[in-house]
Amino acid sequence: MKILYFAWIRRSLEISGETINPPKNIKNVKSLVNWLGLKSKKHKEVFLKIKSIRIAVNHEVVSLNNKIKQNDEIAFFPPFTGG
């Protein structure tokens, strides 16, 4: 699974992305977020702010309940604004 981080999330984690192999019980975005939050102190701090983070699975914005698969690309980014 490919994970991408953008904007303040990337700066906070000090990485733009990572390739992971989550446990098989990780079936939706919410369980992935909970699992990622255990990776490091930085991950925990970022994902405590999940209400301020948008998620895309394979380039489609989704909710925390969205199902995921091992070969998905998951992106985490702040809300975007127009202007």
PDB file of N, CA and C in Angstrom:
ATOM      1  N   MET A   1       0.862  -1.167   0.000  1.00  0.00           N
ATOM      2  CA  MET A   1       0.000   0.000   0.000  1.00  0.00           C
ATOM      3  C   MET A   1       0.907   1.228   0.000  1.00  0.00           C
ATOM      4  N   LYS A   2       0.587   2.158  -0.880  1.00  0.00           N
ATOM      5  CA  LYS A   2       1.373   3.389  -0.964  1.00  0.00           C
ATOM      6  C   LYS A   2       0.632   4.501  -0.225  1.00  0.00           C
ATOM      7  N   ILE A   3       1.334   5.153   0.697  1.00  0.00           N
ATOM      8  CA  ILE A   3       0.764   6.246   1.481  1.00  0.00           C
ATOM      9  C   ILE A   3       1.465   7.531   1.074  1.00  0.00           C
ATOM     10  N   LEU A   4       0.690   8.585   0.798  1.00  0.00           N
ATOM     11  CA  LEU A   4       1.239   9.888   0.441  1.00  0.00           C
ATOM     12  C   LEU A   4       0.780  10.932   1.451  1.00  0.00           C
ATOM     13  N   TYR A   5       1.693  11.850   1.785  1.00  0.00           N
ATOM     14  CA  TYR A   5       1.383  12.919   2.731  1.00  0.00           C
ATOM     15  C   TYR A   5       1.649  14.265   2.064  1.00  0.00           C
ATOM     16  N   PHE A   6       0.761  15.234   2.298  1.00  0.00           N
ATOM     17  CA  PHE A   6       0.879  16.547   1.680  1.00  0.00           C
ATOM     18  C   PHE A   6       0.799  17.665   2.717  1.00  0.00           C
ATOM     19  N   ALA A   7       1.386  18.811   2.360  1.00  0.00           N
ATOM     20  CA  ALA A   7       1.319  20.069   3.114  1.00  0.00           C
ATOM     21  C   ALA A   7       1.823  19.895   4.551  1.00  0.00           C
ATOM     22  N   TRP A   8       1.063  20.376   5.540  1.00  0.00           N
ATOM     23  CA  TRP A   8       1.547  20.347   6.932  1.00  0.00           C
ATOM     24  C   TRP A   8       1.740  18.920   7.435  1.00  0.00           C
ATOM     25  N   ILE A   9       1.018  17.966   6.862  1.00  0.00           N
ATOM     26  CA  ILE A   9       1.159  16.569   7.285  1.00  0.00           C
ATOM     27  C   ILE A   9       2.552  16.073   6.895  1.00  0.00           C
ATOM     28  N   ARG A  10       2.958  16.368   5.655  1.00  0.00           N
ATOM     29  CA  ARG A  10       4.299  15.990   5.199  1.00  0.00           C
ATOM     30  C   ARG A  10       5.368  16.668   6.054  1.00  0.00           C
ATOM     31  N   ARG A  11       5.182  17.942   6.340  1.00  0.00           N
ATOM     32  CA  ARG A  11       6.177  18.661   7.170  1.00  0.00           C
ATOM     33  C   ARG A  11       6.242  18.079   8.580  1.00  0.00           C
ATOM     34  N   SER A  12       5.119  17.753   9.144  1.00  0.00           N
ATOM     35  CA  SER A  12       5.092  17.199  10.505  1.00  0.00           C
ATOM     36  C   SER A  12       5.769  15.831  10.575  1.00  0.00           C
ATOM     37  N   LEU A  13       5.528  14.997   9.565  1.00  0.00           N
ATOM     38  CA  LEU A  13       6.092  13.643   9.557  1.00  0.00           C
ATOM     39  C   LEU A  13       7.517  13.607   9.001  1.00  0.00           C
ATOM     40  N   GLU A  14       7.872  14.673   8.290  1.00  0.00           N
ATOM     41  CA  GLU A  14       9.185  14.780   7.644  1.00  0.00           C
ATOM     42  C   GLU A  14       9.402  13.705   6.579  1.00  0.00           C
ATOM     43  N   ILE A  15       8.298  13.244   5.977  1.00  0.00           N
ATOM     44  CA  ILE A  15       8.344  12.327   4.837  1.00  0.00           C
ATOM     45  C   ILE A  15       7.185  12.664   3.908  1.00  0.00           C
ATOM     46  N   SER A  16       7.378  12.425   2.618  1.00  0.00           N
ATOM     47  CA  SER A  16       6.295  12.700   1.664  1.00  0.00           C
ATOM     48  C   SER A  16       5.438  11.470   1.409  1.00  0.00           C
ATOM     49  N   GLY A  17       5.927  10.313   1.823  1.00  0.00           N
ATOM     50  CA  GLY A  17       5.159   9.100   1.634  1.00  0.00           C
ATOM     51  C   GLY A  17       5.910   7.888   2.133  1.00  0.00           C
ATOM     52  N   GLU A  18       5.238   6.765   2.092  1.00  0.00           N
ATOM     53  CA  GLU A  18       5.843   5.509   2.505  1.00  0.00           C
ATOM     54  C   GLU A  18       5.062   4.352   1.901  1.00  0.00           C
ATOM     55  N   THR A  19       5.742   3.252   1.728  1.00  0.00           N
ATOM     56  CA  THR A  19       5.098   2.024   1.286  1.00  0.00           C
ATOM     57  C   THR A  19       4.986   1.121   2.500  1.00  0.00           C
ATOM     58  N   ILE A  20       3.770   0.653   2.764  1.00  0.00           N
ATOM     59  CA  ILE A  20       3.519  -0.133   3.970  1.00  0.00           C
ATOM     60  C   ILE A  20       2.830  -1.448   3.635  1.00  0.00           C
ATOM     61  N   ASN A  21       2.900  -2.359   4.554  1.00  0.00           N
ATOM     62  CA  ASN A  21       2.163  -3.622   4.485  1.00  0.00           C
ATOM     63  C   ASN A  21       1.386  -3.771   5.783  1.00  0.00           C
ATOM     64  N   PRO A  22       0.211  -3.142   5.866  1.00  0.00           N
ATOM     65  CA  PRO A  22      -0.559  -3.217   7.110  1.00  0.00           C
ATOM     66  C   PRO A  22      -1.084  -4.630   7.352  1.00  0.00           C
ATOM     67  N   PRO A  23      -1.408  -4.930   8.596  1.00  0.00           N
ATOM     68  CA  PRO A  23      -1.999  -6.234   8.902  1.00  0.00           C
ATOM     69  C   PRO A  23      -3.288  -6.451   8.104  1.00  0.00           C
ATOM     70  N   LYS A  24      -3.633  -7.688   7.899  1.00  0.00           N
ATOM     71  CA  LYS A  24      -4.815  -8.033   7.094  1.00  0.00           C
ATOM     72  C   LYS A  24      -6.123  -7.531   7.707  1.00  0.00           C
ATOM     73  N   ASN A  25      -6.134  -7.237   9.012  1.00  0.00           N
ATOM     74  CA  ASN A  25      -7.360  -6.744   9.641  1.00  0.00           C
ATOM     75  C   ASN A  25      -7.619  -5.265   9.351  1.00  0.00           C
ATOM     76  N   ILE A  26      -6.721  -4.600   8.666  1.00  0.00           N
ATOM     77  CA  ILE A  26      -6.914  -3.198   8.278  1.00  0.00           C
ATOM     78  C   ILE A  26      -7.764  -3.205   7.015  1.00  0.00           C
ATOM     79  N   LYS A  27      -9.044  -2.920   7.172  1.00  0.00           N
ATOM     80  CA  LYS A  27     -10.003  -3.052   6.063  1.00  0.00           C
ATOM     81  C   LYS A  27     -10.612  -1.732   5.607  1.00  0.00           C
ATOM     82  N   ASN A  28     -10.464  -0.662   6.432  1.00  0.00           N
ATOM     83  CA  ASN A  28     -11.017   0.629   6.039  1.00  0.00           C
ATOM     84  C   ASN A  28     -10.053   1.744   6.449  1.00  0.00           C
ATOM     85  N   VAL A  29     -10.351   2.957   6.000  1.00  0.00           N
ATOM     86  CA  VAL A  29      -9.458   4.083   6.264  1.00  0.00           C
ATOM     87  C   VAL A  29      -9.305   4.316   7.760  1.00  0.00           C
ATOM     88  N   LYS A  30     -10.378   4.218   8.510  1.00  0.00           N
ATOM     89  CA  LYS A  30     -10.305   4.469   9.954  1.00  0.00           C
ATOM     90  C   LYS A  30      -9.344   3.500  10.638  1.00  0.00           C
ATOM     91  N   SER A  31      -9.416   2.220  10.313  1.00  0.00           N
ATOM     92  CA  SER A  31      -8.500   1.263  10.937  1.00  0.00           C
ATOM     93  C   SER A  31      -7.060   1.521  10.483  1.00  0.00           C
ATOM     94  N   LEU A  32      -6.874   1.985   9.247  1.00  0.00           N
ATOM     95  CA  LEU A  32      -5.536   2.345   8.775  1.00  0.00           C
ATOM     96  C   LEU A  32      -4.992   3.533   9.559  1.00  0.00           C
ATOM     97  N   VAL A  33      -5.812   4.555   9.747  1.00  0.00           N
ATOM     98  CA  VAL A  33      -5.398   5.743  10.510  1.00  0.00           C
ATOM     99  C   VAL A  33      -5.005   5.337  11.933  1.00  0.00           C
ATOM    100  N   ASN A  34      -5.802   4.499  12.562  1.00  0.00           N
ATOM    101  CA  ASN A  34      -5.480   4.052  13.919  1.00  0.00           C
ATOM    102  C   ASN A  34      -4.151   3.305  13.942  1.00  0.00           C
ATOM    103  N   TRP A  35      -3.918   2.456  12.956  1.00  0.00           N
ATOM    104  CA  TRP A  35      -2.682   1.684  12.876  1.00  0.00           C
ATOM    105  C   TRP A  35      -1.491   2.597  12.592  1.00  0.00           C
ATOM    106  N   LEU A  36      -1.646   3.546  11.657  1.00  0.00           N
ATOM    107  CA  LEU A  36      -0.560   4.479  11.360  1.00  0.00           C
ATOM    108  C   LEU A  36      -0.199   5.320  12.577  1.00  0.00           C
ATOM    109  N   GLY A  37      -1.199   5.654  13.386  1.00  0.00           N
ATOM    110  CA  GLY A  37      -0.953   6.439  14.590  1.00  0.00           C
ATOM    111  C   GLY A  37      -0.057   5.749  15.597  1.00  0.00           C
ATOM    112  N   LEU A  38       0.118   4.444  15.448  1.00  0.00           N
ATOM    113  CA  LEU A  38       0.989   3.677  16.353  1.00  0.00           C
ATOM    114  C   LEU A  38       2.431   3.605  15.856  1.00  0.00           C
ATOM    115  N   LYS A  39       2.690   4.062  14.630  1.00  0.00           N
ATOM    116  CA  LYS A  39       4.020   3.925  14.020  1.00  0.00           C
ATOM    117  C   LYS A  39       5.095   4.749  14.722  1.00  0.00           C
ATOM    118  N   SER A  40       4.747   5.962  15.130  1.00  0.00           N
ATOM    119  CA  SER A  40       5.727   6.848  15.763  1.00  0.00           C
ATOM    120  C   SER A  40       4.994   7.963  16.507  1.00  0.00           C
ATOM    121  N   LYS A  41       5.747   8.696  17.294  1.00  0.00           N
ATOM    122  CA  LYS A  41       5.160   9.838  18.010  1.00  0.00           C
ATOM    123  C   LYS A  41       4.645  10.878  17.008  1.00  0.00           C
ATOM    124  N   LYS A  42       5.401  11.107  15.943  1.00  0.00           N
ATOM    125  CA  LYS A  42       4.977  12.072  14.922  1.00  0.00           C
ATOM    126  C   LYS A  42       3.679  11.629  14.251  1.00  0.00           C
ATOM    127  N   HIS A  43       3.592  10.356  13.905  1.00  0.00           N
ATOM    128  CA  HIS A  43       2.358   9.837  13.300  1.00  0.00           C
ATOM    129  C   HIS A  43       1.181  10.024  14.264  1.00  0.00           C
ATOM    130  N   LYS A  44       1.403   9.709  15.516  1.00  0.00           N
ATOM    131  CA  LYS A  44       0.331   9.842  16.504  1.00  0.00           C
ATOM    132  C   LYS A  44      -0.161  11.281  16.575  1.00  0.00           C
ATOM    133  N   GLU A  45       0.780  12.242  16.628  1.00  0.00           N
ATOM    134  CA  GLU A  45       0.402  13.650  16.719  1.00  0.00           C
ATOM    135  C   GLU A  45      -0.390  14.099  15.490  1.00  0.00           C
ATOM    136  N   VAL A  46       0.041  13.672  14.309  1.00  0.00           N
ATOM    137  CA  VAL A  46      -0.661  14.048  13.084  1.00  0.00           C
ATOM    138  C   VAL A  46      -2.072  13.471  13.072  1.00  0.00           C
ATOM    139  N   PHE A  47      -2.198  12.174  13.349  1.00  0.00           N
ATOM    140  CA  PHE A  47      -3.502  11.531  13.202  1.00  0.00           C
ATOM    141  C   PHE A  47      -4.456  11.811  14.362  1.00  0.00           C
ATOM    142  N   LEU A  48      -3.976  12.463  15.410  1.00  0.00           N
ATOM    143  CA  LEU A  48      -4.896  12.976  16.422  1.00  0.00           C
ATOM    144  C   LEU A  48      -5.731  14.121  15.851  1.00  0.00           C
ATOM    145  N   LYS A  49      -5.254  14.702  14.749  1.00  0.00           N
ATOM    146  CA  LYS A  49      -5.953  15.813  14.087  1.00  0.00           C
ATOM    147  C   LYS A  49      -6.743  15.332  12.872  1.00  0.00           C
ATOM    148  N   ILE A  50      -7.221  14.103  12.892  1.00  0.00           N
ATOM    149  CA  ILE A  50      -7.857  13.503  11.723  1.00  0.00           C
ATOM    150  C   ILE A  50      -9.058  14.310  11.221  1.00  0.00           C
ATOM    151  N   LYS A  51      -9.710  15.054  12.081  1.00  0.00           N
ATOM    152  CA  LYS A  51     -10.853  15.862  11.635  1.00  0.00           C
ATOM    153  C   LYS A  51     -10.410  17.011  10.732  1.00  0.00           C
ATOM    154  N   SER A  52      -9.109  17.324  10.744  1.00  0.00           N
ATOM    155  CA  SER A  52      -8.560  18.381   9.896  1.00  0.00           C
ATOM    156  C   SER A  52      -7.830  17.811   8.685  1.00  0.00           C
ATOM    157  N   ILE A  53      -8.039  16.537   8.415  1.00  0.00           N
ATOM    158  CA  ILE A  53      -7.339  15.858   7.327  1.00  0.00           C
ATOM    159  C   ILE A  53      -8.362  15.262   6.366  1.00  0.00           C
ATOM    160  N   ARG A  54      -8.091  15.409   5.090  1.00  0.00           N
ATOM    161  CA  ARG A  54      -8.902  14.768   4.056  1.00  0.00           C
ATOM    162  C   ARG A  54      -8.131  13.555   3.555  1.00  0.00           C
ATOM    163  N   ILE A  55      -8.865  12.577   3.037  1.00  0.00           N
ATOM    164  CA  ILE A  55      -8.256  11.332   2.592  1.00  0.00           C
ATOM    165  C   ILE A  55      -8.741  11.027   1.183  1.00  0.00           C
ATOM    166  N   ALA A  56      -7.809  10.572   0.345  1.00  0.00           N
ATOM    167  CA  ALA A  56      -8.169  10.096  -0.988  1.00  0.00           C
ATOM    168  C   ALA A  56      -7.644   8.678  -1.140  1.00  0.00           C
ATOM    169  N   VAL A  57      -8.476   7.817  -1.696  1.00  0.00           N
ATOM    170  CA  VAL A  57      -8.076   6.453  -2.030  1.00  0.00           C
ATOM    171  C   VAL A  57      -8.110   6.361  -3.546  1.00  0.00           C
ATOM    172  N   ASN A  58      -6.953   6.087  -4.116  1.00  0.00           N
ATOM    173  CA  ASN A  58      -6.830   5.992  -5.583  1.00  0.00           C
ATOM    174  C   ASN A  58      -7.406   7.234  -6.269  1.00  0.00           C
ATOM    175  N   HIS A  59      -7.041   8.415  -5.739  1.00  0.00           N
ATOM    176  CA  HIS A  59      -7.393   9.725  -6.300  1.00  0.00           C
ATOM    177  C   HIS A  59      -8.855  10.114  -6.125  1.00  0.00           C
ATOM    178  N   GLU A  60      -9.576   9.441  -5.249  1.00  0.00           N
ATOM    179  CA  GLU A  60     -10.974   9.781  -4.981  1.00  0.00           C
ATOM    180  C   GLU A  60     -11.128  10.109  -3.496  1.00  0.00           C
ATOM    181  N   VAL A  61     -11.630  11.302  -3.189  1.00  0.00           N
ATOM    182  CA  VAL A  61     -11.812  11.706  -1.797  1.00  0.00           C
ATOM    183  C   VAL A  61     -12.861  10.804  -1.162  1.00  0.00           C
ATOM    184  N   VAL A  62     -12.539  10.300   0.035  1.00  0.00           N
ATOM    185  CA  VAL A  62     -13.397   9.317   0.700  1.00  0.00           C
ATOM    186  C   VAL A  62     -13.561   9.657   2.179  1.00  0.00           C
ATOM    187  N   SER A  63     -14.430   8.910   2.849  1.00  0.00           N
ATOM    188  CA  SER A  63     -14.635   9.056   4.293  1.00  0.00           C
ATOM    189  C   SER A  63     -13.796   8.014   5.037  1.00  0.00           C
ATOM    190  N   LEU A  64     -13.788   8.124   6.345  1.00  0.00           N
ATOM    191  CA  LEU A  64     -13.056   7.172   7.182  1.00  0.00           C
ATOM    192  C   LEU A  64     -13.611   5.757   7.064  1.00  0.00           C
ATOM    193  N   ASN A  65     -14.859   5.617   6.678  1.00  0.00           N
ATOM    194  CA  ASN A  65     -15.473   4.299   6.570  1.00  0.00           C
ATOM    195  C   ASN A  65     -15.177   3.595   5.250  1.00  0.00           C
ATOM    196  N   ASN A  66     -14.518   4.295   4.334  1.00  0.00           N
ATOM    197  CA  ASN A  66     -14.230   3.708   3.023  1.00  0.00           C
ATOM    198  C   ASN A  66     -13.340   2.474   3.145  1.00  0.00           C
ATOM    199  N   LYS A  67     -13.704   1.424   2.434  1.00  0.00           N
ATOM    200  CA  LYS A  67     -12.900   0.196   2.440  1.00  0.00           C
ATOM    201  C   LYS A  67     -11.626   0.413   1.642  1.00  0.00           C
ATOM    202  N   ILE A  68     -10.568  -0.292   2.045  1.00  0.00           N
ATOM    203  CA  ILE A  68      -9.284  -0.212   1.355  1.00  0.00           C
ATOM    204  C   ILE A  68      -8.746  -1.615   1.103  1.00  0.00           C
ATOM    205  N   LYS A  69      -7.827  -1.684   0.124  1.00  0.00           N
ATOM    206  CA  LYS A  69      -7.180  -2.945  -0.224  1.00  0.00           C
ATOM    207  C   LYS A  69      -5.662  -2.756  -0.191  1.00  0.00           C
ATOM    208  N   GLN A  70      -4.939  -3.835  -0.161  1.00  0.00           N
ATOM    209  CA  GLN A  70      -3.479  -3.798  -0.042  1.00  0.00           C
ATOM    210  C   GLN A  70      -2.790  -3.028  -1.167  1.00  0.00           C
ATOM    211  N   ASN A  71      -3.350  -2.994  -2.359  1.00  0.00           N
ATOM    212  CA  ASN A  71      -2.684  -2.329  -3.471  1.00  0.00           C
ATOM    213  C   ASN A  71      -3.167  -0.899  -3.708  1.00  0.00           C
ATOM    214  N   ASP A  72      -3.920  -0.331  -2.774  1.00  0.00           N
ATOM    215  CA  ASP A  72      -4.435   1.037  -2.923  1.00  0.00           C
ATOM    216  C   ASP A  72      -3.351   2.079  -2.672  1.00  0.00           C
ATOM    217  N   GLU A  73      -3.602   3.265  -3.230  1.00  0.00           N
ATOM    218  CA  GLU A  73      -2.794   4.444  -2.929  1.00  0.00           C
ATOM    219  C   GLU A  73      -3.660   5.350  -2.049  1.00  0.00           C
ATOM    220  N   ILE A  74      -3.170   5.665  -0.859  1.00  0.00           N
ATOM    221  CA  ILE A  74      -3.918   6.472   0.103  1.00  0.00           C
ATOM    222  C   ILE A  74      -3.177   7.792   0.288  1.00  0.00           C
ATOM    223  N   ALA A  75      -3.872   8.908   0.113  1.00  0.00           N
ATOM    224  CA  ALA A  75      -3.269  10.224   0.300  1.00  0.00           C
ATOM    225  C   ALA A  75      -3.952  10.954   1.439  1.00  0.00           C
ATOM    226  N   PHE A  76      -3.137  11.613   2.266  1.00  0.00           N
ATOM    227  CA  PHE A  76      -3.626  12.412   3.382  1.00  0.00           C
ATOM    228  C   PHE A  76      -3.224  13.860   3.121  1.00  0.00           C
ATOM    229  N   PHE A  77      -4.190  14.777   3.213  1.00  0.00           N
ATOM    230  CA  PHE A  77      -3.926  16.185   2.886  1.00  0.00           C
ATOM    231  C   PHE A  77      -4.909  17.073   3.648  1.00  0.00           C
ATOM    232  N   PRO A  78      -4.560  18.338   3.821  1.00  0.00           N
ATOM    233  CA  PRO A  78      -5.491  19.265   4.475  1.00  0.00           C
ATOM    234  C   PRO A  78      -6.639  19.622   3.541  1.00  0.00           C
ATOM    235  N   PRO A  79      -7.722  20.140   4.100  1.00  0.00           N
ATOM    236  CA  PRO A  79      -8.822  20.586   3.235  1.00  0.00           C
ATOM    237  C   PRO A  79      -8.311  21.646   2.261  1.00  0.00           C
ATOM    238  N   PHE A  80      -8.829  21.634   1.057  1.00  0.00           N
ATOM    239  CA  PHE A  80      -8.418  22.628   0.076  1.00  0.00           C
ATOM    240  C   PHE A  80      -9.476  23.700  -0.022  1.00  0.00           C
ATOM    241  N   THR A  81      -9.045  24.891  -0.416  1.00  0.00           N
ATOM    242  CA  THR A  81      -9.967  26.020  -0.541  1.00  0.00           C
ATOM    243  C   THR A  81      -9.851  26.600  -1.934  1.00  0.00           C
ATOM    244  N   GLY A  82     -10.883  27.255  -2.347  1.00  0.00           N
ATOM    245  CA  GLY A  82     -10.880  27.908  -3.657  1.00  0.00           C
ATOM    246  C   GLY A  82     -10.384  29.323  -3.529  1.00  0.00           C
ATOM    247  N   GLY A  83     -10.228  29.956  -4.649  1.00  0.00           N
ATOM    248  CA  GLY A  83      -9.794  31.344  -4.551  1.00  0.00           C
ATOM    249  C   GLY A  83      -9.435  31.935  -5.859  1.00  0.00           C
TER     250      GLY A  83
END
